Amino acid sequence: MLHGELARQIRPDCSEDVVFLTTWRDLGALYAWIGRDDLLASPLLREDDESLFLSLEVQHYEALDEPEVEPAVDFLLSSESAQH
């Protein structure tokens, strides 16, 4: 997994929606983590966990392009050398 983020939205009736978004290097990395190559079979929850949710929806998206991210170490080194 390259990135994981948890967010929630509280509604006027005090209920809430929770979203967990993960970003993976590629499908192979995701398949290796879940142990199968069928993303639509079922969410990756233990049976005990399912009782925590009133409803559960899983959606999968493919990124159309990957942002170029400069590694922090390279950025720091280039910043330091520019100051000298």
Foldseek 3Di string as FASTA:
>chain_A
DPDWDKDKDQDPVRDMDIDIDDDDPDLVVVCVVQVHNDPPPDDPDDPVCVVVDPDDDDDDDDDPDDDDDDDPVVVVVVVVVVVD
